[in-house]
Amino acid sequence: MATAPLGPYFRDATDHVLRVVDLADNVRDLLTSLLEVRVAQAANRLNDIMKRVTSWGAVILVPTLIAGIYGMNFRQMPELHWTFGYPMALLTMTLAGAGVWWFFRRKDWL
């Protein structure tokens, strides 16, 4: 019966322990939320970088495609025997690349 007078003290200590455990749970939840926010920010940044890299790849692809077609050495390409065939091909590559660049620039991907 010597423990009966100590009962209120044990209840008080139990209450303090429960409060500390709740505080630790709240801090853990807060840190988990902060980590999730940081991971989401990193994913958004990666998505932005991937959009930019893909856009530049598309800008480079168009002139490369046109140059690849002209580099196939066909005999019956009408532009090969035309005086302005080579300058027209360069102009087409430049305009097509600039058009793709302008499109992606307007979309704010570059």
PDB file of N, CA and C in Angstrom:
ATOM      1  N   MET A   1       0.802  -1.189   0.000  1.00  0.00           N
ATOM      2  CA  MET A   1       0.000   0.000   0.000  1.00  0.00           C
ATOM      3  C   MET A   1       0.852   1.263   0.000  1.00  0.00           C
ATOM      4  N   ALA A   2       2.129   1.091  -0.086  1.00  0.00           N
ATOM      5  CA  ALA A   2       3.010   2.258  -0.112  1.00  0.00           C
ATOM      6  C   ALA A   2       2.981   2.934  -1.476  1.00  0.00           C
ATOM      7  N   THR A   3       2.501   2.216  -2.520  1.00  0.00           N
ATOM      8  CA  THR A   3       2.487   2.817  -3.854  1.00  0.00           C
ATOM      9  C   THR A   3       1.250   3.667  -4.104  1.00  0.00           C
ATOM     10  N   ALA A   4       0.232   3.559  -3.239  1.00  0.00           N
ATOM     11  CA  ALA A   4      -0.991   4.333  -3.452  1.00  0.00           C
ATOM     12  C   ALA A   4      -0.740   5.836  -3.420  1.00  0.00           C
ATOM     13  N   PRO A   5       0.066   6.373  -2.535  1.00  0.00           N
ATOM     14  CA  PRO A   5       0.315   7.811  -2.560  1.00  0.00           C
ATOM     15  C   PRO A   5       1.129   8.255  -3.781  1.00  0.00           C
ATOM     16  N   LEU A   6       1.823   7.310  -4.437  1.00  0.00           N
ATOM     17  CA  LEU A   6       2.627   7.667  -5.609  1.00  0.00           C
ATOM     18  C   LEU A   6       1.820   7.620  -6.907  1.00  0.00           C
ATOM     19  N   GLY A   7       0.590   7.171  -6.870  1.00  0.00           N
ATOM     20  CA  GLY A   7      -0.260   7.041  -8.045  1.00  0.00           C
ATOM     21  C   GLY A   7      -0.387   8.324  -8.867  1.00  0.00           C
ATOM     22  N   PRO A   8      -0.670   9.469  -8.222  1.00  0.00           N
ATOM     23  CA  PRO A   8      -0.763  10.708  -9.005  1.00  0.00           C
ATOM     24  C   PRO A   8       0.544  11.059  -9.722  1.00  0.00           C
ATOM     25  N   TYR A   9       1.664  10.745  -9.111  1.00  0.00           N
ATOM     26  CA  TYR A   9       2.952  11.050  -9.729  1.00  0.00           C
ATOM     27  C   TYR A   9       3.193  10.165 -10.962  1.00  0.00           C
ATOM     28  N   PHE A  10       2.811   8.880 -10.824  1.00  0.00           N
ATOM     29  CA  PHE A  10       2.948   7.977 -11.968  1.00  0.00           C
ATOM     30  C   PHE A  10       2.031   8.386 -13.122  1.00  0.00           C
ATOM     31  N   ARG A  11       0.814   8.821 -12.791  1.00  0.00           N
ATOM     32  CA  ARG A  11      -0.106   9.298 -13.839  1.00  0.00           C
ATOM     33  C   ARG A  11       0.451  10.550 -14.504  1.00  0.00           C
ATOM     34  N   ASP A  12       1.051  11.433 -13.706  1.00  0.00           N
ATOM     35  CA  ASP A  12       1.655  12.645 -14.250  1.00  0.00           C
ATOM     36  C   ASP A  12       2.833  12.296 -15.165  1.00  0.00           C
ATOM     37  N   ALA A  13       3.660  11.353 -14.738  1.00  0.00           N
ATOM     38  CA  ALA A  13       4.796  10.930 -15.566  1.00  0.00           C
ATOM     39  C   ALA A  13       4.295  10.271 -16.844  1.00  0.00           C
ATOM     40  N   THR A  14       3.228   9.459 -16.761  1.00  0.00           N
ATOM     41  CA  THR A  14       2.648   8.823 -17.934  1.00  0.00           C
ATOM     42  C   THR A  14       2.121   9.876 -18.904  1.00  0.00           C
ATOM     43  N   ASP A  15       1.489  10.900 -18.365  1.00  0.00           N
ATOM     44  CA  ASP A  15       0.973  11.991 -19.206  1.00  0.00           C
ATOM     45  C   ASP A  15       2.114  12.700 -19.935  1.00  0.00           C
ATOM     46  N   HIS A  16       3.214  12.946 -19.233  1.00  0.00           N
ATOM     47  CA  HIS A  16       4.369  13.602 -19.865  1.00  0.00           C
ATOM     48  C   HIS A  16       4.976  12.718 -20.962  1.00  0.00           C
ATOM     49  N   VAL A  17       5.066  11.428 -20.689  1.00  0.00           N
ATOM     50  CA  VAL A  17       5.615  10.505 -21.692  1.00  0.00           C
ATOM     51  C   VAL A  17       4.726  10.476 -22.923  1.00  0.00           C
ATOM     52  N   LEU A  18       3.398  10.456 -22.722  1.00  0.00           N
ATOM     53  CA  LEU A  18       2.471  10.459 -23.863  1.00  0.00           C
ATOM     54  C   LEU A  18       2.590  11.746 -24.668  1.00  0.00           C
ATOM     55  N   ARG A  19       2.768  12.868 -23.983  1.00  0.00           N
ATOM     56  CA  ARG A  19       2.945  14.139 -24.700  1.00  0.00           C
ATOM     57  C   ARG A  19       4.238  14.136 -25.511  1.00  0.00           C
ATOM     58  N   VAL A  20       5.313  13.609 -24.951  1.00  0.00           N
ATOM     59  CA  VAL A  20       6.589  13.559 -25.667  1.00  0.00           C
ATOM     60  C   VAL A  20       6.474  12.627 -26.877  1.00  0.00           C
ATOM     61  N   VAL A  21       5.778  11.499 -26.725  1.00  0.00           N
ATOM     62  CA  VAL A  21       5.585  10.578 -27.841  1.00  0.00           C
ATOM     63  C   VAL A  21       4.758  11.252 -28.933  1.00  0.00           C
ATOM     64  N   ASP A  22       3.707  11.974 -28.562  1.00  0.00           N
ATOM     65  CA  ASP A  22       2.910  12.712 -29.555  1.00  0.00           C
ATOM     66  C   ASP A  22       3.738  13.772 -30.259  1.00  0.00           C
ATOM     67  N   LEU A  23       4.565  14.484 -29.501  1.00  0.00           N
ATOM     68  CA  LEU A  23       5.433  15.501 -30.091  1.00  0.00           C
ATOM     69  C   LEU A  23       6.417  14.864 -31.075  1.00  0.00           C
ATOM     70  N   ALA A  24       6.986  13.721 -30.689  1.00  0.00           N
ATOM     71  CA  ALA A  24       7.917  13.023 -31.579  1.00  0.00           C
ATOM     72  C   ALA A  24       7.199  12.566 -32.850  1.00  0.00           C
ATOM     73  N   ASP A  25       5.961  12.083 -32.732  1.00  0.00           N
ATOM     74  CA  ASP A  25       5.186  11.686 -33.914  1.00  0.00           C
ATOM     75  C   ASP A  25       4.914  12.879 -34.817  1.00  0.00           C
ATOM     76  N   ASN A  26       4.577  14.013 -34.216  1.00  0.00           N
ATOM     77  CA  ASN A  26       4.313  15.226 -35.009  1.00  0.00           C
ATOM     78  C   ASN A  26       5.569  15.694 -35.743  1.00  0.00           C
ATOM     79  N   VAL A  27       6.711  15.654 -35.055  1.00  0.00           N
ATOM     80  CA  VAL A  27       7.969  16.068 -35.682  1.00  0.00           C
ATOM     81  C   VAL A  27       8.327  15.104 -36.812  1.00  0.00           C
ATOM     82  N   ARG A  28       8.117  13.793 -36.588  1.00  0.00           N
ATOM     83  CA  ARG A  28       8.387  12.804 -37.633  1.00  0.00           C
ATOM     84  C   ARG A  28       7.497  13.041 -38.847  1.00  0.00           C
ATOM     85  N   ASP A  29       6.199  13.323 -38.622  1.00  0.00           N
ATOM     86  CA  ASP A  29       5.291  13.605 -39.733  1.00  0.00           C
ATOM     87  C   ASP A  29       5.703  14.869 -40.478  1.00  0.00           C
ATOM     88  N   LEU A  30       6.138  15.880 -39.731  1.00  0.00           N
ATOM     89  CA  LEU A  30       6.582  17.122 -40.361  1.00  0.00           C
ATOM     90  C   LEU A  30       7.827  16.886 -41.216  1.00  0.00           C
ATOM     91  N   LEU A  31       8.784  16.127 -40.697  1.00  0.00           N
ATOM     92  CA  LEU A  31       9.993  15.834 -41.460  1.00  0.00           C
ATOM     93  C   LEU A  31       9.688  14.986 -42.693  1.00  0.00           C
ATOM     94  N   THR A  32       8.762  14.055 -42.563  1.00  0.00           N
ATOM     95  CA  THR A  32       8.356  13.252 -43.716  1.00  0.00           C
ATOM     96  C   THR A  32       7.717  14.128 -44.787  1.00  0.00           C
ATOM     97  N   SER A  33       6.877  15.057 -44.363  1.00  0.00           N
ATOM     98  CA  SER A  33       6.240  15.975 -45.318  1.00  0.00           C
ATOM     99  C   SER A  33       7.280  16.855 -46.000  1.00  0.00           C
ATOM    100  N   LEU A  34       8.250  17.351 -45.245  1.00  0.00           N
ATOM    101  CA  LEU A  34       9.305  18.174 -45.839  1.00  0.00           C
ATOM    102  C   LEU A  34      10.134  17.374 -46.845  1.00  0.00           C
ATOM    103  N   LEU A  35      10.415  16.123 -46.537  1.00  0.00           N
ATOM    104  CA  LEU A  35      11.152  15.277 -47.467  1.00  0.00           C
ATOM    105  C   LEU A  35      10.351  15.043 -48.743  1.00  0.00           C
ATOM    106  N   GLU A  36       9.053  14.811 -48.602  1.00  0.00           N
ATOM    107  CA  GLU A  36       8.210  14.609 -49.779  1.00  0.00           C
ATOM    108  C   GLU A  36       8.148  15.868 -50.636  1.00  0.00           C
ATOM    109  N   VAL A  37       8.108  17.031 -50.007  1.00  0.00           N
ATOM    110  CA  VAL A  37       8.110  18.293 -50.763  1.00  0.00           C
ATOM    111  C   VAL A  37       9.425  18.441 -51.521  1.00  0.00           C
ATOM    112  N   ARG A  38      10.530  18.109 -50.876  1.00  0.00           N
ATOM    113  CA  ARG A  38      11.835  18.227 -51.527  1.00  0.00           C
ATOM    114  C   ARG A  38      11.945  17.269 -52.721  1.00  0.00           C
ATOM    115  N   VAL A  39      11.453  16.054 -52.560  1.00  0.00           N
ATOM    116  CA  VAL A  39      11.481  15.088 -53.660  1.00  0.00           C
ATOM    117  C   VAL A  39      10.599  15.579 -54.811  1.00  0.00           C
ATOM    118  N   ALA A  40       9.451  16.155 -54.496  1.00  0.00           N
ATOM    119  CA  ALA A  40       8.567  16.693 -55.540  1.00  0.00           C
ATOM    120  C   ALA A  40       9.236  17.853 -56.269  1.00  0.00           C
ATOM    121  N   GLN A  41       9.941  18.709 -55.532  1.00  0.00           N
ATOM    122  CA  GLN A  41      10.652  19.816 -56.175  1.00  0.00           C
ATOM    123  C   GLN A  41      11.739  19.294 -57.115  1.00  0.00           C
ATOM    124  N   ALA A  42      12.461  18.271 -56.672  1.00  0.00           N
ATOM    125  CA  ALA A  42      13.508  17.697 -57.522  1.00  0.00           C
ATOM    126  C   ALA A  42      12.890  17.072 -58.774  1.00  0.00           C
ATOM    127  N   ALA A  43      11.756  16.404 -58.632  1.00  0.00           N
ATOM    128  CA  ALA A  43      11.088  15.799 -59.794  1.00  0.00           C
ATOM    129  C   ALA A  43      10.612  16.875 -60.764  1.00  0.00           C
ATOM    130  N   ASN A  44      10.084  17.968 -60.252  1.00  0.00           N
ATOM    131  CA  ASN A  44       9.647  19.065 -61.124  1.00  0.00           C
ATOM    132  C   ASN A  44      10.830  19.682 -61.858  1.00  0.00           C
ATOM    133  N   ARG A  45      11.940  19.832 -61.180  1.00  0.00           N
ATOM    134  CA  ARG A  45      13.139  20.390 -61.812  1.00  0.00           C
ATOM    135  C   ARG A  45      13.641  19.446 -62.914  1.00  0.00           C
ATOM    136  N   LEU A  46      13.626  18.151 -62.625  1.00  0.00           N
ATOM    137  CA  LEU A  46      14.047  17.173 -63.622  1.00  0.00           C
ATOM    138  C   LEU A  46      13.130  17.208 -64.842  1.00  0.00           C
ATOM    139  N   ASN A  47      11.834  17.337 -64.613  1.00  0.00           N
ATOM    140  CA  ASN A  47      10.887  17.434 -65.726  1.00  0.00           C
ATOM    141  C   ASN A  47      11.174  18.663 -66.578  1.00  0.00           C
ATOM    142  N   ASP A  48      11.492  19.768 -65.940  1.00  0.00           N
ATOM    143  CA  ASP A  48      11.801  20.991 -66.680  1.00  0.00           C
ATOM    144  C   ASP A  48      13.066  20.813 -67.520  1.00  0.00           C
ATOM    145  N   ILE A  49      14.065  20.197 -66.944  1.00  0.00           N
ATOM    146  CA  ILE A  49      15.308  19.958 -67.680  1.00  0.00           C
ATOM    147  C   ILE A  49      15.058  19.014 -68.853  1.00  0.00           C
ATOM    148  N   MET A  50      14.258  17.979 -68.635  1.00  0.00           N
ATOM    149  CA  MET A  50      13.962  17.032 -69.712  1.00  0.00           C
ATOM    150  C   MET A  50      13.192  17.708 -70.849  1.00  0.00           C
ATOM    151  N   LYS A  51      12.291  18.628 -70.521  1.00  0.00           N
ATOM    152  CA  LYS A  51      11.586  19.373 -71.579  1.00  0.00           C
ATOM    153  C   LYS A  51      12.570  20.174 -72.411  1.00  0.00           C
ATOM    154  N   ARG A  52      13.510  20.821 -71.757  1.00  0.00           N
ATOM    155  CA  ARG A  52      14.469  21.643 -72.489  1.00  0.00           C
ATOM    156  C   ARG A  52      15.391  20.793 -73.371  1.00  0.00           C
ATOM    157  N   VAL A  53      15.868  19.685 -72.822  1.00  0.00           N
ATOM    158  CA  VAL A  53      16.763  18.823 -73.600  1.00  0.00           C
ATOM    159  C   VAL A  53      16.016  18.234 -74.801  1.00  0.00           C
ATOM    160  N   THR A  54      14.787  17.817 -74.592  1.00  0.00           N
ATOM    161  CA  THR A  54      13.988  17.266 -75.679  1.00  0.00           C
ATOM    162  C   THR A  54      13.710  18.321 -76.740  1.00  0.00           C
ATOM    163  N   SER A  55      13.452  19.532 -76.317  1.00  0.00           N
ATOM    164  CA  SER A  55      13.200  20.619 -77.278  1.00  0.00           C
ATOM    165  C   SER A  55      14.426  20.875 -78.138  1.00  0.00           C
ATOM    166  N   TRP A  56      15.594  20.932 -77.514  1.00  0.00           N
ATOM    167  CA  TRP A  56      16.805  21.156 -78.304  1.00  0.00           C
ATOM    168  C   TRP A  56      17.065  19.982 -79.240  1.00  0.00           C
ATOM    169  N   GLY A  57      16.743  18.787 -78.801  1.00  0.00           N
ATOM    170  CA  GLY A  57      16.874  17.624 -79.677  1.00  0.00           C
ATOM    171  C   GLY A  57      15.973  17.736 -80.893  1.00  0.00           C
ATOM    172  N   ALA A  58      14.753  18.225 -80.690  1.00  0.00           N
ATOM    173  CA  ALA A  58      13.827  18.407 -81.813  1.00  0.00           C
ATOM    174  C   ALA A  58      14.311  19.500 -82.754  1.00  0.00           C
ATOM    175  N   VAL A  59      14.884  20.571 -82.215  1.00  0.00           N
ATOM    176  CA  VAL A  59      15.404  21.656 -83.055  1.00  0.00           C
ATOM    177  C   VAL A  59      16.551  21.130 -83.924  1.00  0.00           C
ATOM    178  N   ILE A  60      17.394  20.299 -83.372  1.00  0.00           N
ATOM    179  CA  ILE A  60      18.534  19.759 -84.119  1.00  0.00           C
ATOM    180  C   ILE A  60      18.090  18.670 -85.095  1.00  0.00           C
ATOM    181  N   LEU A  61      17.010  17.974 -84.774  1.00  0.00           N
ATOM    182  CA  LEU A  61      16.544  16.857 -85.609  1.00  0.00           C
ATOM    183  C   LEU A  61      16.105  17.305 -86.996  1.00  0.00           C
ATOM    184  N   VAL A  62      15.410  18.425 -87.099  1.00  0.00           N
ATOM    185  CA  VAL A  62      14.824  18.835 -88.383  1.00  0.00           C
ATOM    186  C   VAL A  62      15.907  19.097 -89.441  1.00  0.00           C
ATOM    187  N   PRO A  63      16.916  19.920 -89.180  1.00  0.00           N
ATOM    188  CA  PRO A  63      17.960  20.097 -90.211  1.00  0.00           C
ATOM    189  C   PRO A  63      18.737  18.814 -90.482  1.00  0.00           C
ATOM    190  N   THR A  64      18.922  17.992 -89.456  1.00  0.00           N
ATOM    191  CA  THR A  64      19.624  16.728 -89.647  1.00  0.00           C
ATOM    192  C   THR A  64      18.835  15.812 -90.572  1.00  0.00           C
ATOM    193  N   LEU A  65      17.529  15.793 -90.430  1.00  0.00           N
ATOM    194  CA  LEU A  65      16.679  14.979 -91.305  1.00  0.00           C
ATOM    195  C   LEU A  65      16.787  15.437 -92.756  1.00  0.00           C
ATOM    196  N   ILE A  66      16.716  16.726 -92.971  1.00  0.00           N
ATOM    197  CA  ILE A  66      16.806  17.252 -94.345  1.00  0.00           C
ATOM    198  C   ILE A  66      18.188  16.957 -94.933  1.00  0.00           C
ATOM    199  N   ALA A  67      19.240  17.168 -94.141  1.00  0.00           N
ATOM    200  CA  ALA A  67      20.594  16.880 -94.632  1.00  0.00           C
ATOM    201  C   ALA A  67      20.765  15.387 -94.888  1.00  0.00           C
ATOM    202  N   GLY A  68      20.144  14.547 -94.095  1.00  0.00           N
ATOM    203  CA  GLY A  68      20.226  13.103 -94.309  1.00  0.00           C
ATOM    204  C   GLY A  68      19.566  12.682 -95.602  1.00  0.00           C
ATOM    205  N   ILE A  69      18.447  13.293 -95.921  1.00  0.00           N
ATOM    206  CA  ILE A  69      17.772  12.972 -97.179  1.00  0.00           C
ATOM    207  C   ILE A  69      18.630  13.402 -98.364  1.00  0.00           C
ATOM    208  N   TYR A  70      19.242  14.572 -98.293  1.00  0.00           N
ATOM    209  CA  TYR A  70      20.086  15.039 -99.395  1.00  0.00           C
ATOM    210  C   TYR A  70      21.397  14.267 -99.469  1.00  0.00           C
ATOM    211  N   GLY A  71      21.782  13.606 -98.396  1.00  0.00           N
ATOM    212  CA  GLY A  71      23.030  12.852 -98.407  1.00  0.00           C
ATOM    213  C   GLY A  71      22.876  11.421 -98.878  1.00  0.00           C
ATOM    214  N   MET A  72      21.710  11.027 -99.368  1.00  0.00           N
ATOM    215  CA  MET A  72      21.480   9.642 -99.795  1.00  0.00           C
ATOM    216  C   MET A  72      21.937   9.369-101.221  1.00  0.00           C
ATOM    217  N   ASN A  73      22.385  10.355-101.933  1.00  0.00           N
ATOM    218  CA  ASN A  73      22.927  10.195-103.289  1.00  0.00           C
ATOM    219  C   ASN A  73      21.937   9.581-104.273  1.00  0.00           C
ATOM    220  N   PHE A  74      20.721  10.074-104.277  1.00  0.00           N
ATOM    221  CA  PHE A  74      19.762   9.650-105.288  1.00  0.00           C
ATOM    222  C   PHE A  74      20.130  10.296-106.617  1.00  0.00           C
ATOM    223  N   ARG A  75      19.810   9.620-107.699  1.00  0.00           N
ATOM    224  CA  ARG A  75      20.094  10.183-109.021  1.00  0.00           C
ATOM    225  C   ARG A  75      18.951  11.067-109.508  1.00  0.00           C
ATOM    226  N   GLN A  76      17.739  10.806-109.087  1.00  0.00           N
ATOM    227  CA  GLN A  76      16.571  11.493-109.635  1.00  0.00           C
ATOM    228  C   GLN A  76      15.970  12.516-108.682  1.00  0.00           C
ATOM    229  N   MET A  77      16.774  13.236-107.957  1.00  0.00           N
ATOM    230  CA  MET A  77      16.259  14.314-107.112  1.00  0.00           C
ATOM    231  C   MET A  77      16.263  15.591-107.938  1.00  0.00           C
ATOM    232  N   PRO A  78      15.107  16.209-108.142  1.00  0.00           N
ATOM    233  CA  PRO A  78      15.048  17.381-109.018  1.00  0.00           C
ATOM    234  C   PRO A  78      15.906  18.542-108.535  1.00  0.00           C
ATOM    235  N   GLU A  79      16.104  18.642-107.252  1.00  0.00           N
ATOM    236  CA  GLU A  79      16.866  19.786-106.731  1.00  0.00           C
ATOM    237  C   GLU A  79      18.360  19.673-107.009  1.00  0.00           C
ATOM    238  N   LEU A  80      18.838  18.478-107.370  1.00  0.00           N
ATOM    239  CA  LEU A  80      20.274  18.306-107.571  1.00  0.00           C
ATOM    240  C   LEU A  80      20.773  19.026-108.822  1.00  0.00           C
ATOM    241  N   HIS A  81      19.946  19.131-109.820  1.00  0.00           N
ATOM    242  CA  HIS A  81      20.367  19.765-111.070  1.00  0.00           C
ATOM    243  C   HIS A  81      19.886  21.205-111.177  1.00  0.00           C
ATOM    244  N   TRP A  82      19.302  21.700-110.131  1.00  0.00           N
ATOM    245  CA  TRP A  82      18.805  23.074-110.115  1.00  0.00           C
ATOM    246  C   TRP A  82      19.902  23.963-109.550  1.00  0.00           C
ATOM    247  N   THR A  83      20.060  25.150-110.077  1.00  0.00           N
ATOM    248  CA  THR A  83      21.123  26.053-109.644  1.00  0.00           C
ATOM    249  C   THR A  83      20.982  26.438-108.175  1.00  0.00           C
ATOM    250  N   PHE A  84      19.753  26.638-107.753  1.00  0.00           N
ATOM    251  CA  PHE A  84      19.524  27.080-106.373  1.00  0.00           C
ATOM    252  C   PHE A  84      19.149  25.923-105.446  1.00  0.00           C
ATOM    253  N   GLY A  85      19.428  24.697-105.833  1.00  0.00           N
ATOM    254  CA  GLY A  85      19.064  23.536-105.016  1.00  0.00           C
ATOM    255  C   GLY A  85      19.773  23.524-103.666  1.00  0.00           C
ATOM    256  N   TYR A  86      21.083  23.744-103.686  1.00  0.00           N
ATOM    257  CA  TYR A  86      21.844  23.731-102.439  1.00  0.00           C
ATOM    258  C   TYR A  86      21.467  24.890-101.527  1.00  0.00           C
ATOM    259  N   PRO A  87      21.402  26.125-102.040  1.00  0.00           N
ATOM    260  CA  PRO A  87      20.972  27.221-101.157  1.00  0.00           C
ATOM    261  C   PRO A  87      19.538  27.037-100.658  1.00  0.00           C
ATOM    262  N   MET A  88      18.667  26.453-101.498  1.00  0.00           N
ATOM    263  CA  MET A  88      17.281  26.233-101.064  1.00  0.00           C
ATOM    264  C   MET A  88      17.231  25.192 -99.941  1.00  0.00           C
ATOM    265  N   ALA A  89      18.063  24.155-100.045  1.00  0.00           N
ATOM    266  CA  ALA A  89      18.111  23.150 -98.980  1.00  0.00           C
ATOM    267  C   ALA A  89      18.601  23.777 -97.675  1.00  0.00           C
ATOM    268  N   LEU A  90      19.628  24.603 -97.754  1.00  0.00           N
ATOM    269  CA  LEU A  90      20.124  25.284 -96.544  1.00  0.00           C
ATOM    270  C   LEU A  90      19.084  26.229 -95.970  1.00  0.00           C
ATOM    271  N   LEU A  91      18.397  26.947 -96.843  1.00  0.00           N
ATOM    272  CA  LEU A  91      17.350  27.848 -96.381  1.00  0.00           C
ATOM    273  C   LEU A  91      16.198  27.073 -95.731  1.00  0.00           C
ATOM    274  N   THR A  92      15.831  25.947 -96.324  1.00  0.00           N
ATOM    275  CA  THR A  92      14.767  25.116 -95.752  1.00  0.00           C
ATOM    276  C   THR A  92      15.170  24.580 -94.382  1.00  0.00           C
ATOM    277  N   MET A  93      16.427  24.136 -94.263  1.00  0.00           N
ATOM    278  CA  MET A  93      16.904  23.655 -92.961  1.00  0.00           C
ATOM    279  C   MET A  93      16.889  24.763 -91.924  1.00  0.00           C
ATOM    280  N   THR A  94      17.337  25.934 -92.320  1.00  0.00           N
ATOM    281  CA  THR A  94      17.370  27.062 -91.384  1.00  0.00           C
ATOM    282  C   THR A  94      15.970  27.471 -90.967  1.00  0.00           C
ATOM    283  N   LEU A  95      15.072  27.589 -91.928  1.00  0.00           N
ATOM    284  CA  LEU A  95      13.697  27.991 -91.603  1.00  0.00           C
ATOM    285  C   LEU A  95      12.971  26.941 -90.772  1.00  0.00           C
ATOM    286  N   ALA A  96      13.178  25.668 -91.106  1.00  0.00           N
ATOM    287  CA  ALA A  96      12.521  24.610 -90.336  1.00  0.00           C
ATOM    288  C   ALA A  96      13.054  24.575 -88.910  1.00  0.00           C
ATOM    289  N   GLY A  97      14.373  24.667 -88.751  1.00  0.00           N
ATOM    290  CA  GLY A  97      14.957  24.703 -87.401  1.00  0.00           C
ATOM    291  C   GLY A  97      14.504  25.918 -86.614  1.00  0.00           C
ATOM    292  N   ALA A  98      14.447  27.074 -87.284  1.00  0.00           N
ATOM    293  CA  ALA A  98      13.986  28.293 -86.612  1.00  0.00           C
ATOM    294  C   ALA A  98      12.510  28.193 -86.246  1.00  0.00           C
ATOM    295  N   GLY A  99      11.719  27.552 -87.104  1.00  0.00           N
ATOM    296  CA  GLY A  99      10.297  27.376 -86.792  1.00  0.00           C
ATOM    297  C   GLY A  99      10.076  26.494 -85.574  1.00  0.00           C
ATOM    298  N   VAL A 100      10.830  25.406 -85.513  1.00  0.00           N
ATOM    299  CA  VAL A 100      10.711  24.530 -84.334  1.00  0.00           C
ATOM    300  C   VAL A 100      11.209  25.254 -83.099  1.00  0.00           C
ATOM    301  N   TRP A 101      12.321  25.983 -83.207  1.00  0.00           N
ATOM    302  CA  TRP A 101      12.841  26.755 -82.073  1.00  0.00           C
ATOM    303  C   TRP A 101      11.816  27.779 -81.608  1.00  0.00           C
ATOM    304  N   TRP A 102      11.203  28.487 -82.552  1.00  0.00           N
ATOM    305  CA  TRP A 102      10.194  29.496 -82.196  1.00  0.00           C
ATOM    306  C   TRP A 102       9.007  28.847 -81.495  1.00  0.00           C
ATOM    307  N   PHE A 103       8.567  27.691 -81.988  1.00  0.00           N
ATOM    308  CA  PHE A 103       7.434  26.996 -81.374  1.00  0.00           C
ATOM    309  C   PHE A 103       7.736  26.640 -79.920  1.00  0.00           C
ATOM    310  N   PHE A 104       8.892  26.041 -79.681  1.00  0.00           N
ATOM    311  CA  PHE A 104       9.239  25.653 -78.316  1.00  0.00           C
ATOM    312  C   PHE A 104       9.533  26.867 -77.442  1.00  0.00           C
ATOM    313  N   ARG A 105      10.043  27.919 -78.035  1.00  0.00           N
ATOM    314  CA  ARG A 105      10.294  29.151 -77.278  1.00  0.00           C
ATOM    315  C   ARG A 105       8.964  29.770 -76.847  1.00  0.00           C
ATOM    316  N   ARG A 106       7.969  29.721 -77.731  1.00  0.00           N
ATOM    317  CA  ARG A 106       6.647  30.258 -77.408  1.00  0.00           C
ATOM    318  C   ARG A 106       5.975  29.449 -76.297  1.00  0.00           C
ATOM    319  N   LYS A 107       6.249  28.135 -76.286  1.00  0.00           N
ATOM    320  CA  LYS A 107       5.694  27.269 -75.243  1.00  0.00           C
ATOM    321  C   LYS A 107       6.497  27.381 -73.945  1.00  0.00           C
ATOM    322  N   ASP A 108       7.566  28.188 -73.945  1.00  0.00           N
ATOM    323  CA  ASP A 108       8.459  28.393 -72.806  1.00  0.00           C
ATOM    324  C   ASP A 108       9.175  27.104 -72.406  1.00  0.00           C
ATOM    325  N   TRP A 109       9.584  26.334 -73.421  1.00  0.00           N
ATOM    326  CA  TRP A 109      10.360  25.125 -73.177  1.00  0.00           C
ATOM    327  C   TRP A 109      11.853  25.379 -73.404  1.00  0.00           C
ATOM    328  N   LEU A 110      12.170  26.499 -74.003  1.00  0.00           N
ATOM    329  CA  LEU A 110      13.573  26.857 -74.236  1.00  0.00           C
ATOM    330  C   LEU A 110      13.885  28.155 -73.543  1.00  0.00           C
TER     331      LEU A 110
END
